[in-house]
Structures are given as structure tokens and as C-alpha cells.
Amino acid sequence: MGNHLDIKHAFDMEYSTQLRMEKYWLDDHGFKCSFTRHEETNDIFVKTYKYTKTPELFAELANFYSLKKEYDIQKKAGKEIEGPCRILLQYEKPRHRSDAHEA
């Protein structure tokens, strides 16, 4: 039998994202990071944002990704972003100087 502690540590109790657009969406919908981790590897600076997992968080993520799917389709096709997913345009650019180095 394996050690039950290994299983306990295999599950992250927080949701994480590195997508600036997703982070801004969550900020604007009332979700605050529980903490931010900064990493630099091979001159690439990455921020990971962590959120407490709740049903409300996942419901909001579902809203975000339903819009983002259409946004990505339109963007890939080279079309002007139209319809409800147009709201995501405001999340394309960094809001803060420290965000400019993120992907």
C-alpha cells in the first residue's frame, strides 16, 4: 500500500492560471488572487495566479471560456471581433507595467 500523504499532495486545492486575459476577467468579476507566484526561467518571466476553488469561480470561468472560444475563432480567422465576445478586447493589453512582461 502507498503512503496516503502522497495522494493528499497530488491535488492542488487552488485553481491557477498564467493567462493575463483570464486573470483580468476574474479581477473584474470580483475574484481576487489568493497569491501570485513569480518565476523566471531562461529569461522568460511568468506569473502564476492562484485562486481558491469555489463553485462560483468555476461558473465564472465557464462564462469566460464560452466567450473566449468564439473570440479565438474570430481572431484566428482574421475577422474583426464581434458579438458578445467583443468584451474580451479590453483584456488583450497589459493594465500594469509589471504585466507587460507576461504572455
Protein backbone atom coordinates (compact mmCIF):
# COMPACT_ATOMS: atom_id res chain seq x y z
CA MET A 1 0.00 0.00 0.00
CA GLY A 2 1.19 3.51 -0.84
CA ASN A 3 1.53 6.33 1.57
CA HIS A 4 -1.76 8.26 1.85
CA LEU A 5 0.22 11.52 2.20
CA ASP A 6 1.41 11.19 -1.40
CA ILE A 7 -2.19 11.23 -2.61
CA LYS A 8 -3.03 14.24 -0.45
CA HIS A 9 -0.23 16.28 -2.02
CA ALA A 10 -1.19 15.27 -5.56
CA PHE A 11 -4.24 17.59 -5.55
CA ASP A 12 -3.87 21.35 -5.70
CA MET A 13 -6.50 22.96 -3.54
CA GLU A 14 -6.29 26.14 -5.60
CA TYR A 15 -7.01 26.96 -9.22
CA SER A 16 -4.10 28.54 -11.08
CA THR A 17 -3.74 30.46 -14.31
CA GLN A 18 -0.94 32.18 -16.17
CA LEU A 19 -3.23 33.84 -18.71
CA ARG A 20 -3.38 37.59 -18.23
CA MET A 21 -6.75 37.82 -20.00
CA GLU A 22 -8.28 35.24 -17.64
CA LYS A 23 -6.76 36.98 -14.59
CA TYR A 24 -8.22 40.35 -15.65
CA TRP A 25 -11.63 38.75 -16.25
CA LEU A 26 -11.64 37.22 -12.78
CA ASP A 27 -10.49 40.53 -11.22
CA ASP A 28 -13.35 42.38 -12.93
CA HIS A 29 -15.86 39.79 -11.73
CA GLY A 30 -14.94 40.03 -8.07
CA PHE A 31 -12.38 37.22 -7.69
CA LYS A 32 -9.09 38.07 -6.04
CA CYS A 33 -5.91 36.02 -6.18
CA SER A 34 -5.10 34.14 -3.02
CA PHE A 35 -1.45 34.58 -4.03
CA THR A 36 0.82 35.18 -7.01
CA ARG A 37 3.97 33.23 -7.78
CA HIS A 38 6.72 34.83 -9.90
CA GLU A 39 9.17 32.70 -11.83
CA GLU A 40 11.94 33.44 -14.28
CA THR A 41 13.34 30.67 -16.44
CA ASN A 42 15.68 31.20 -19.39
CA ASP A 43 14.91 34.95 -19.39
CA ILE A 44 11.16 34.25 -19.51
CA PHE A 45 9.20 35.91 -16.73
CA VAL A 46 6.00 34.07 -15.72
CA LYS A 47 3.39 34.96 -13.13
CA THR A 48 1.05 32.28 -11.85
CA TYR A 49 -2.14 33.49 -10.20
CA LYS A 50 -3.81 31.22 -7.66
CA TYR A 51 -7.50 31.32 -6.66
CA THR A 52 -9.47 29.46 -4.03
CA LYS A 53 -11.59 26.82 -5.77
CA THR A 54 -15.31 27.53 -5.37
CA PRO A 55 -18.41 26.72 -7.42
CA GLU A 56 -18.73 30.46 -8.15
CA LEU A 57 -15.18 30.60 -9.53
CA PHE A 58 -15.81 27.70 -11.89
CA ALA A 59 -19.14 29.17 -13.02
CA GLU A 60 -17.35 32.42 -13.90
CA LEU A 61 -14.59 30.53 -15.69
CA ALA A 62 -17.28 28.77 -17.74
CA ASN A 63 -18.66 32.19 -18.73
CA PHE A 64 -15.19 33.41 -19.66
CA TYR A 65 -14.27 30.35 -21.73
CA SER A 66 -17.58 30.28 -23.59
CA LEU A 67 -16.80 33.82 -24.78
CA LYS A 68 -13.11 33.09 -25.35
CA LYS A 69 -13.89 30.15 -27.62
CA GLU A 70 -15.77 32.42 -30.06
CA TYR A 71 -13.17 35.17 -29.62
CA ASP A 72 -10.37 32.74 -30.59
CA ILE A 73 -12.31 31.51 -33.64
CA GLN A 74 -12.84 35.05 -34.90
CA LYS A 75 -9.27 36.10 -34.17
CA LYS A 76 -7.81 33.04 -35.92
CA ALA A 77 -9.99 33.74 -38.97
CA GLY A 78 -8.61 37.29 -39.06
CA LYS A 79 -12.07 38.75 -38.54
CA GLU A 80 -12.94 41.81 -36.53
CA ILE A 81 -14.12 40.63 -33.12
CA GLU A 82 -17.91 40.93 -32.99
CA GLY A 83 -20.80 39.97 -30.76
CA PRO A 84 -20.72 39.21 -27.03
CA CYS A 85 -17.08 38.08 -27.13
CA ARG A 86 -16.10 41.64 -28.09
CA ILE A 87 -15.95 42.39 -24.35
CA LEU A 88 -12.69 40.40 -24.21
CA LEU A 89 -10.88 43.02 -26.32
CA GLN A 90 -10.37 45.11 -23.18
CA TYR A 91 -8.29 42.28 -21.69
CA GLU A 92 -5.78 41.98 -24.55
CA LYS A 93 -3.33 44.62 -23.33
CA PRO A 94 -1.44 44.81 -20.04
CA ARG A 95 -3.04 47.00 -17.38
CA HIS A 96 0.11 47.48 -15.35
CA ARG A 97 3.76 47.89 -16.22
CA SER A 98 4.60 44.63 -14.43
CA ASP A 99 2.07 42.80 -16.62
CA ALA A 100 3.83 43.81 -19.85
CA HIS A 101 6.41 41.00 -19.47
CA GLU A 102 3.76 38.30 -19.26
CA ALA A 103 2.46 36.23 -22.11
